[in-house]
Amino acid sequence: MALLYAREGADVAIVHLPEEEPDAKEIHGEIEALGRRSLLLPGDLRDAEFCAETVHRTVEELGGLNVLVSNAAYLNGQRNWTS
């Protein structure tokens, strides 16, 4: 989702579990290669304090928050997205 939004011109904040760091870093690099900004926020959305900090950091570092996508999912298999 983050990569698709970046392809449309968005800067994105990516909230992910700490164990998902390798995948998040890969997407972060792809987003920056598109000339967009990406903010990685490792943590657990079940923690209300973390959620508040996530919104604060996103607004502070990316200049605002226009769209929020809540996408908790598991990707099974290789991704094969093309431009």
PDB file of N, CA and C in Angstrom:
ATOM      1  N   MET A   1       0.822  -1.187   0.000  1.00  0.00           N
ATOM      2  CA  MET A   1       0.000   0.000   0.000  1.00  0.00           C
ATOM      3  C   MET A   1       0.869   1.254   0.000  1.00  0.00           C
ATOM      4  N   ALA A   2       1.890   1.272   0.837  1.00  0.00           N
ATOM      5  CA  ALA A   2       2.750   2.448   0.934  1.00  0.00           C
ATOM      6  C   ALA A   2       3.425   2.756  -0.399  1.00  0.00           C
ATOM      7  N   LEU A   3       3.900   1.714  -1.058  1.00  0.00           N
ATOM      8  CA  LEU A   3       4.575   1.905  -2.342  1.00  0.00           C
ATOM      9  C   LEU A   3       3.604   2.435  -3.394  1.00  0.00           C
ATOM     10  N   LEU A   4       2.406   1.940  -3.398  1.00  0.00           N
ATOM     11  CA  LEU A   4       1.409   2.412  -4.358  1.00  0.00           C
ATOM     12  C   LEU A   4       1.061   3.879  -4.119  1.00  0.00           C
ATOM     13  N   TYR A   5       0.915   4.283  -2.869  1.00  0.00           N
ATOM     14  CA  TYR A   5       0.669   5.699  -2.573  1.00  0.00           C
ATOM     15  C   TYR A   5       1.857   6.552  -3.003  1.00  0.00           C
ATOM     16  N   ALA A   6       3.065   6.086  -2.760  1.00  0.00           N
ATOM     17  CA  ALA A   6       4.254   6.838  -3.164  1.00  0.00           C
ATOM     18  C   ALA A   6       4.307   7.001  -4.682  1.00  0.00           C
ATOM     19  N   ARG A   7       3.920   5.980  -5.402  1.00  0.00           N
ATOM     20  CA  ARG A   7       3.893   6.071  -6.871  1.00  0.00           C
ATOM     21  C   ARG A   7       2.918   7.138  -7.351  1.00  0.00           C
ATOM     22  N   GLU A   8       1.917   7.447  -6.522  1.00  0.00           N
ATOM     23  CA  GLU A   8       0.949   8.490  -6.859  1.00  0.00           C
ATOM     24  C   GLU A   8       1.385   9.859  -6.343  1.00  0.00           C
ATOM     25  N   GLY A   9       2.576   9.928  -5.733  1.00  0.00           N
ATOM     26  CA  GLY A   9       3.125  11.216  -5.305  1.00  0.00           C
ATOM     27  C   GLY A   9       3.080  11.500  -3.820  1.00  0.00           C
ATOM     28  N   ALA A  10       2.726  10.522  -3.013  1.00  0.00           N
ATOM     29  CA  ALA A  10       2.617  10.737  -1.568  1.00  0.00           C
ATOM     30  C   ALA A  10       3.927  10.436  -0.850  1.00  0.00           C
ATOM     31  N   ASP A  11       4.172  11.174   0.216  1.00  0.00           N
ATOM     32  CA  ASP A  11       5.174  10.790   1.207  1.00  0.00           C
ATOM     33  C   ASP A  11       4.436   9.912   2.200  1.00  0.00           C
ATOM     34  N   VAL A  12       5.081   8.882   2.727  1.00  0.00           N
ATOM     35  CA  VAL A  12       4.358   7.923   3.559  1.00  0.00           C
ATOM     36  C   VAL A  12       5.101   7.589   4.851  1.00  0.00           C
ATOM     37  N   ALA A  13       4.314   7.352   5.887  1.00  0.00           N
ATOM     38  CA  ALA A  13       4.822   6.802   7.143  1.00  0.00           C
ATOM     39  C   ALA A  13       4.395   5.343   7.180  1.00  0.00           C
ATOM     40  N   ILE A  14       5.320   4.472   7.504  1.00  0.00           N
ATOM     41  CA  ILE A  14       5.042   3.044   7.537  1.00  0.00           C
ATOM     42  C   ILE A  14       5.200   2.551   8.974  1.00  0.00           C
ATOM     43  N   VAL A  15       4.099   2.147   9.562  1.00  0.00           N
ATOM     44  CA  VAL A  15       4.117   1.562  10.895  1.00  0.00           C
ATOM     45  C   VAL A  15       4.231   0.051  10.710  1.00  0.00           C
ATOM     46  N   HIS A  16       5.165  -0.540  11.418  1.00  0.00           N
ATOM     47  CA  HIS A  16       5.391  -1.980  11.264  1.00  0.00           C
ATOM     48  C   HIS A  16       5.865  -2.572  12.574  1.00  0.00           C
ATOM     49  N   LEU A  17       5.658  -3.857  12.717  1.00  0.00           N
ATOM     50  CA  LEU A  17       6.187  -4.558  13.883  1.00  0.00           C
ATOM     51  C   LEU A  17       7.704  -4.652  13.761  1.00  0.00           C
ATOM     52  N   PRO A  18       8.423  -4.637  14.870  1.00  0.00           N
ATOM     53  CA  PRO A  18       9.886  -4.702  14.795  1.00  0.00           C
ATOM     54  C   PRO A  18      10.412  -5.875  13.973  1.00  0.00           C
ATOM     55  N   GLU A  19       9.756  -7.018  14.037  1.00  0.00           N
ATOM     56  CA  GLU A  19      10.233  -8.174  13.278  1.00  0.00           C
ATOM     57  C   GLU A  19       9.998  -8.027  11.768  1.00  0.00           C
ATOM     58  N   GLU A  20       9.259  -7.016  11.369  1.00  0.00           N
ATOM     59  CA  GLU A  20       9.020  -6.746   9.944  1.00  0.00           C
ATOM     60  C   GLU A  20      10.005  -5.716   9.374  1.00  0.00           C
ATOM     61  N   GLU A  21      11.007  -5.372  10.149  1.00  0.00           N
ATOM     62  CA  GLU A  21      11.984  -4.340   9.760  1.00  0.00           C
ATOM     63  C   GLU A  21      12.630  -4.586   8.391  1.00  0.00           C
ATOM     64  N   PRO A  22      13.081  -5.803   8.075  1.00  0.00           N
ATOM     65  CA  PRO A  22      13.701  -5.998   6.753  1.00  0.00           C
ATOM     66  C   PRO A  22      12.767  -5.641   5.593  1.00  0.00           C
ATOM     67  N   ASP A  23      11.518  -6.056   5.675  1.00  0.00           N
ATOM     68  CA  ASP A  23      10.549  -5.724   4.621  1.00  0.00           C
ATOM     69  C   ASP A  23      10.297  -4.218   4.573  1.00  0.00           C
ATOM     70  N   ALA A  24      10.151  -3.612   5.741  1.00  0.00           N
ATOM     71  CA  ALA A  24       9.897  -2.167   5.797  1.00  0.00           C
ATOM     72  C   ALA A  24      11.060  -1.384   5.189  1.00  0.00           C
ATOM     73  N   LYS A  25      12.286  -1.804   5.477  1.00  0.00           N
ATOM     74  CA  LYS A  25      13.450  -1.113   4.910  1.00  0.00           C
ATOM     75  C   LYS A  25      13.508  -1.259   3.392  1.00  0.00           C
ATOM     76  N   GLU A  26      13.109  -2.417   2.887  1.00  0.00           N
ATOM     77  CA  GLU A  26      13.090  -2.621   1.439  1.00  0.00           C
ATOM     78  C   GLU A  26      12.103  -1.658   0.772  1.00  0.00           C
ATOM     79  N   ILE A  27      10.903  -1.565   1.325  1.00  0.00           N
ATOM     80  CA  ILE A  27       9.893  -0.657   0.777  1.00  0.00           C
ATOM     81  C   ILE A  27      10.344   0.790   0.940  1.00  0.00           C
ATOM     82  N   HIS A  28      10.946   1.108   2.077  1.00  0.00           N
ATOM     83  CA  HIS A  28      11.483   2.460   2.322  1.00  0.00           C
ATOM     84  C   HIS A  28      12.449   2.859   1.200  1.00  0.00           C
ATOM     85  N   GLY A  29      13.355   1.960   0.836  1.00  0.00           N
ATOM     86  CA  GLY A  29      14.307   2.242  -0.237  1.00  0.00           C
ATOM     87  C   GLY A  29      13.627   2.442  -1.580  1.00  0.00           C
ATOM     88  N   GLU A  30      12.617   1.642  -1.855  1.00  0.00           N
ATOM     89  CA  GLU A  30      11.894   1.766  -3.125  1.00  0.00           C
ATOM     90  C   GLU A  30      11.128   3.094  -3.188  1.00  0.00           C
ATOM     91  N   ILE A  31      10.562   3.499  -2.069  1.00  0.00           N
ATOM     92  CA  ILE A  31       9.839   4.776  -2.017  1.00  0.00           C
ATOM     93  C   ILE A  31      10.803   5.932  -2.248  1.00  0.00           C
ATOM     94  N   GLU A  32      11.942   5.906  -1.579  1.00  0.00           N
ATOM     95  CA  GLU A  32      12.911   6.987  -1.756  1.00  0.00           C
ATOM     96  C   GLU A  32      13.484   7.005  -3.169  1.00  0.00           C
ATOM     97  N   ALA A  33      13.588   5.847  -3.805  1.00  0.00           N
ATOM     98  CA  ALA A  33      14.047   5.789  -5.196  1.00  0.00           C
ATOM     99  C   ALA A  33      13.059   6.481  -6.135  1.00  0.00           C
ATOM    100  N   LEU A  34      11.799   6.573  -5.714  1.00  0.00           N
ATOM    101  CA  LEU A  34      10.781   7.288  -6.492  1.00  0.00           C
ATOM    102  C   LEU A  34      10.828   8.795  -6.250  1.00  0.00           C
ATOM    103  N   GLY A  35      11.709   9.223  -5.335  1.00  0.00           N
ATOM    104  CA  GLY A  35      11.810  10.642  -5.016  1.00  0.00           C
ATOM    105  C   GLY A  35      10.840  11.104  -3.947  1.00  0.00           C
ATOM    106  N   ARG A  36      10.241  10.176  -3.229  1.00  0.00           N
ATOM    107  CA  ARG A  36       9.307  10.501  -2.151  1.00  0.00           C
ATOM    108  C   ARG A  36       9.980  10.235  -0.811  1.00  0.00           C
ATOM    109  N   ARG A  37       9.406  10.787   0.246  1.00  0.00           N
ATOM    110  CA  ARG A  37       9.933  10.563   1.596  1.00  0.00           C
ATOM    111  C   ARG A  37       9.166   9.441   2.270  1.00  0.00           C
ATOM    112  N   SER A  38       9.885   8.702   3.112  1.00  0.00           N
ATOM    113  CA  SER A  38       9.301   7.584   3.830  1.00  0.00           C
ATOM    114  C   SER A  38       9.807   7.602   5.267  1.00  0.00           C
ATOM    115  N   LEU A  39       8.897   7.439   6.191  1.00  0.00           N
ATOM    116  CA  LEU A  39       9.212   7.419   7.614  1.00  0.00           C
ATOM    117  C   LEU A  39       8.870   6.044   8.160  1.00  0.00           C
ATOM    118  N   LEU A  40       9.869   5.354   8.732  1.00  0.00           N
ATOM    119  CA  LEU A  40       9.629   4.028   9.321  1.00  0.00           C
ATOM    120  C   LEU A  40       9.363   4.174  10.811  1.00  0.00           C
ATOM    121  N   LEU A  41       8.290   3.556  11.273  1.00  0.00           N
ATOM    122  CA  LEU A  41       7.878   3.646  12.669  1.00  0.00           C
ATOM    123  C   LEU A  41       7.625   2.248  13.226  1.00  0.00           C
ATOM    124  N   PRO A  42       8.675   1.602  13.786  1.00  0.00           N
ATOM    125  CA  PRO A  42       8.486   0.269  14.344  1.00  0.00           C
ATOM    126  C   PRO A  42       7.775   0.318  15.696  1.00  0.00           C
ATOM    127  N   GLY A  43       6.787  -0.532  15.862  1.00  0.00           N
ATOM    128  CA  GLY A  43       6.068  -0.590  17.123  1.00  0.00           C
ATOM    129  C   GLY A  43       4.810  -1.417  16.997  1.00  0.00           C
ATOM    130  N   ASP A  44       4.000  -1.385  18.038  1.00  0.00           N
ATOM    131  CA  ASP A  44       2.792  -2.201  18.112  1.00  0.00           C
ATOM    132  C   ASP A  44       1.575  -1.292  18.273  1.00  0.00           C
ATOM    133  N   LEU A  45       0.664  -1.334  17.317  1.00  0.00           N
ATOM    134  CA  LEU A  45      -0.514  -0.467  17.343  1.00  0.00           C
ATOM    135  C   LEU A  45      -1.512  -0.821  18.445  1.00  0.00           C
ATOM    136  N   ARG A  46      -1.268  -1.892  19.172  1.00  0.00           N
ATOM    137  CA  ARG A  46      -2.115  -2.195  20.324  1.00  0.00           C
ATOM    138  C   ARG A  46      -1.769  -1.305  21.510  1.00  0.00           C
ATOM    139  N   ASP A  47      -0.680  -0.557  21.407  1.00  0.00           N
ATOM    140  CA  ASP A  47      -0.220   0.359  22.455  1.00  0.00           C
ATOM    141  C   ASP A  47      -0.699   1.771  22.119  1.00  0.00           C
ATOM    142  N   ALA A  48      -1.646   2.280  22.889  1.00  0.00           N
ATOM    143  CA  ALA A  48      -2.245   3.597  22.615  1.00  0.00           C
ATOM    144  C   ALA A  48      -1.204   4.716  22.614  1.00  0.00           C
ATOM    145  N   GLU A  49      -0.232   4.643  23.504  1.00  0.00           N
ATOM    146  CA  GLU A  49       0.814   5.670  23.554  1.00  0.00           C
ATOM    147  C   GLU A  49       1.648   5.662  22.277  1.00  0.00           C
ATOM    148  N   PHE A  50       1.953   4.470  21.774  1.00  0.00           N
ATOM    149  CA  PHE A  50       2.688   4.359  20.514  1.00  0.00           C
ATOM    150  C   PHE A  50       1.873   4.957  19.376  1.00  0.00           C
ATOM    151  N   CYS A  51       0.571   4.703  19.349  1.00  0.00           N
ATOM    152  CA  CYS A  51      -0.289   5.255  18.297  1.00  0.00           C
ATOM    153  C   CYS A  51      -0.245   6.777  18.300  1.00  0.00           C
ATOM    154  N   ALA A  52      -0.348   7.379  19.473  1.00  0.00           N
ATOM    155  CA  ALA A  52      -0.298   8.841  19.571  1.00  0.00           C
ATOM    156  C   ALA A  52       1.051   9.368  19.097  1.00  0.00           C
ATOM    157  N   GLU A  53       2.132   8.706  19.478  1.00  0.00           N
ATOM    158  CA  GLU A  53       3.470   9.121  19.061  1.00  0.00           C
ATOM    159  C   GLU A  53       3.641   8.971  17.542  1.00  0.00           C
ATOM    160  N   THR A  54       3.043   7.935  16.977  1.00  0.00           N
ATOM    161  CA  THR A  54       3.106   7.712  15.532  1.00  0.00           C
ATOM    162  C   THR A  54       2.481   8.884  14.776  1.00  0.00           C
ATOM    163  N   VAL A  55       1.301   9.315  15.216  1.00  0.00           N
ATOM    164  CA  VAL A  55       0.645  10.463  14.571  1.00  0.00           C
ATOM    165  C   VAL A  55       1.488  11.711  14.748  1.00  0.00           C
ATOM    166  N   HIS A  56       1.983  11.951  15.949  1.00  0.00           N
ATOM    167  CA  HIS A  56       2.805  13.135  16.224  1.00  0.00           C
ATOM    168  C   HIS A  56       4.049  13.164  15.330  1.00  0.00           C
ATOM    169  N   ARG A  57       4.772  12.061  15.259  1.00  0.00           N
ATOM    170  CA  ARG A  57       5.998  12.013  14.441  1.00  0.00           C
ATOM    171  C   ARG A  57       5.693  12.180  12.961  1.00  0.00           C
ATOM    172  N   THR A  58       4.601  11.582  12.503  1.00  0.00           N
ATOM    173  CA  THR A  58       4.229  11.718  11.097  1.00  0.00           C
ATOM    174  C   THR A  58       3.957  13.181  10.751  1.00  0.00           C
ATOM    175  N   VAL A  59       3.183  13.852  11.564  1.00  0.00           N
ATOM    176  CA  VAL A  59       2.873  15.269  11.337  1.00  0.00           C
ATOM    177  C   VAL A  59       4.145  16.099  11.419  1.00  0.00           C
ATOM    178  N   GLU A  60       4.963  15.837  12.417  1.00  0.00           N
ATOM    179  CA  GLU A  60       6.201  16.602  12.623  1.00  0.00           C
ATOM    180  C   GLU A  60       7.196  16.412  11.473  1.00  0.00           C
ATOM    181  N   GLU A  61       7.395  15.181  11.049  1.00  0.00           N
ATOM    182  CA  GLU A  61       8.456  14.889  10.077  1.00  0.00           C
ATOM    183  C   GLU A  61       8.007  14.972   8.616  1.00  0.00           C
ATOM    184  N   LEU A  62       6.723  14.739   8.364  1.00  0.00           N
ATOM    185  CA  LEU A  62       6.247  14.780   6.981  1.00  0.00           C
ATOM    186  C   LEU A  62       5.354  15.989   6.700  1.00  0.00           C
ATOM    187  N   GLY A  63       5.090  16.800   7.737  1.00  0.00           N
ATOM    188  CA  GLY A  63       4.358  18.039   7.536  1.00  0.00           C
ATOM    189  C   GLY A  63       2.846  17.930   7.605  1.00  0.00           C
ATOM    190  N   GLY A  64       2.328  16.790   7.950  1.00  0.00           N
ATOM    191  CA  GLY A  64       0.883  16.637   8.067  1.00  0.00           C
ATOM    192  C   GLY A  64       0.471  15.194   7.902  1.00  0.00           C
ATOM    193  N   LEU A  65      -0.816  14.987   8.008  1.00  0.00           N
ATOM    194  CA  LEU A  65      -1.392  13.649   7.833  1.00  0.00           C
ATOM    195  C   LEU A  65      -2.704  13.832   7.089  1.00  0.00           C
ATOM    196  N   ASN A  66      -2.738  13.369   5.844  1.00  0.00           N
ATOM    197  CA  ASN A  66      -3.924  13.557   5.014  1.00  0.00           C
ATOM    198  C   ASN A  66      -4.766  12.296   4.887  1.00  0.00           C
ATOM    199  N   VAL A  67      -4.120  11.141   4.818  1.00  0.00           N
ATOM    200  CA  VAL A  67      -4.823   9.874   4.632  1.00  0.00           C
ATOM    201  C   VAL A  67      -4.242   8.860   5.613  1.00  0.00           C
ATOM    202  N   LEU A  68      -5.113   8.086   6.230  1.00  0.00           N
ATOM    203  CA  LEU A  68      -4.680   7.010   7.120  1.00  0.00           C
ATOM    204  C   LEU A  68      -5.236   5.700   6.589  1.00  0.00           C
ATOM    205  N   VAL A  69      -4.346   4.757   6.315  1.00  0.00           N
ATOM    206  CA  VAL A  69      -4.765   3.432   5.858  1.00  0.00           C
ATOM    207  C   VAL A  69      -4.400   2.442   6.950  1.00  0.00           C
ATOM    208  N   SER A  70      -5.381   1.777   7.470  1.00  0.00           N
ATOM    209  CA  SER A  70      -5.148   0.735   8.465  1.00  0.00           C
ATOM    210  C   SER A  70      -5.153  -0.597   7.725  1.00  0.00           C
ATOM    211  N   ASN A  71      -3.957  -1.138   7.511  1.00  0.00           N
ATOM    212  CA  ASN A  71      -3.817  -2.334   6.684  1.00  0.00           C
ATOM    213  C   ASN A  71      -2.981  -3.363   7.435  1.00  0.00           C
ATOM    214  N   ALA A  72      -3.624  -4.111   8.291  1.00  0.00           N
ATOM    215  CA  ALA A  72      -2.940  -5.184   9.001  1.00  0.00           C
ATOM    216  C   ALA A  72      -3.173  -6.457   8.206  1.00  0.00           C
ATOM    217  N   ALA A  73      -2.119  -6.963   7.599  1.00  0.00           N
ATOM    218  CA  ALA A  73      -2.286  -8.115   6.713  1.00  0.00           C
ATOM    219  C   ALA A  73      -1.017  -8.935   6.687  1.00  0.00           C
ATOM    220  N   TYR A  74      -1.133 -10.095   6.096  1.00  0.00           N
ATOM    221  CA  TYR A  74       0.005 -10.978   5.918  1.00  0.00           C
ATOM    222  C   TYR A  74       0.136 -11.250   4.430  1.00  0.00           C
ATOM    223  N   LEU A  75       1.317 -10.972   3.874  1.00  0.00           N
ATOM    224  CA  LEU A  75       1.568 -11.205   2.459  1.00  0.00           C
ATOM    225  C   LEU A  75       2.165 -12.594   2.304  1.00  0.00           C
ATOM    226  N   ASN A  76       1.481 -13.436   1.572  1.00  0.00           N
ATOM    227  CA  ASN A  76       1.935 -14.804   1.373  1.00  0.00           C
ATOM    228  C   ASN A  76       2.402 -14.955  -0.073  1.00  0.00           C
ATOM    229  N   GLY A  77       3.689 -15.069  -0.266  1.00  0.00           N
ATOM    230  CA  GLY A  77       4.232 -15.258  -1.610  1.00  0.00           C
ATOM    231  C   GLY A  77       5.012 -14.040  -2.089  1.00  0.00           C
ATOM    232  N   GLN A  78       5.526 -14.158  -3.273  1.00  0.00           N
ATOM    233  CA  GLN A  78       6.315 -13.086  -3.874  1.00  0.00           C
ATOM    234  C   GLN A  78       5.410 -11.989  -4.388  1.00  0.00           C
ATOM    235  N   ARG A  79       5.863 -10.750  -4.240  1.00  0.00           N
ATOM    236  CA  ARG A  79       5.112  -9.665  -4.847  1.00  0.00           C
ATOM    237  C   ARG A  79       5.661  -9.444  -6.234  1.00  0.00           C
ATOM    238  N   ASN A  80       4.783  -9.151  -7.143  1.00  0.00           N
ATOM    239  CA  ASN A  80       5.183  -8.965  -8.532  1.00  0.00           C
ATOM    240  C   ASN A  80       4.435  -7.764  -9.082  1.00  0.00           C
ATOM    241  N   TRP A  81       4.812  -6.558  -8.577  1.00  0.00           N
ATOM    242  CA  TRP A  81       4.144  -5.337  -9.006  1.00  0.00           C
ATOM    243  C   TRP A  81       4.975  -4.691 -10.084  1.00  0.00           C
ATOM    244  N   THR A  82       4.304  -4.148 -11.051  1.00  0.00           N
ATOM    245  CA  THR A  82       4.984  -3.422 -12.097  1.00  0.00           C
ATOM    246  C   THR A  82       4.490  -1.998 -12.131  1.00  0.00           C
ATOM    247  N   SER A  83       5.265  -1.135 -12.730  1.00  0.00           N
ATOM    248  CA  SER A  83       4.894   0.286 -12.794  1.00  0.00           C
ATOM    249  C   SER A  83       3.674   0.505 -13.639  1.00  0.00           C
TER     250      SER A  83
END
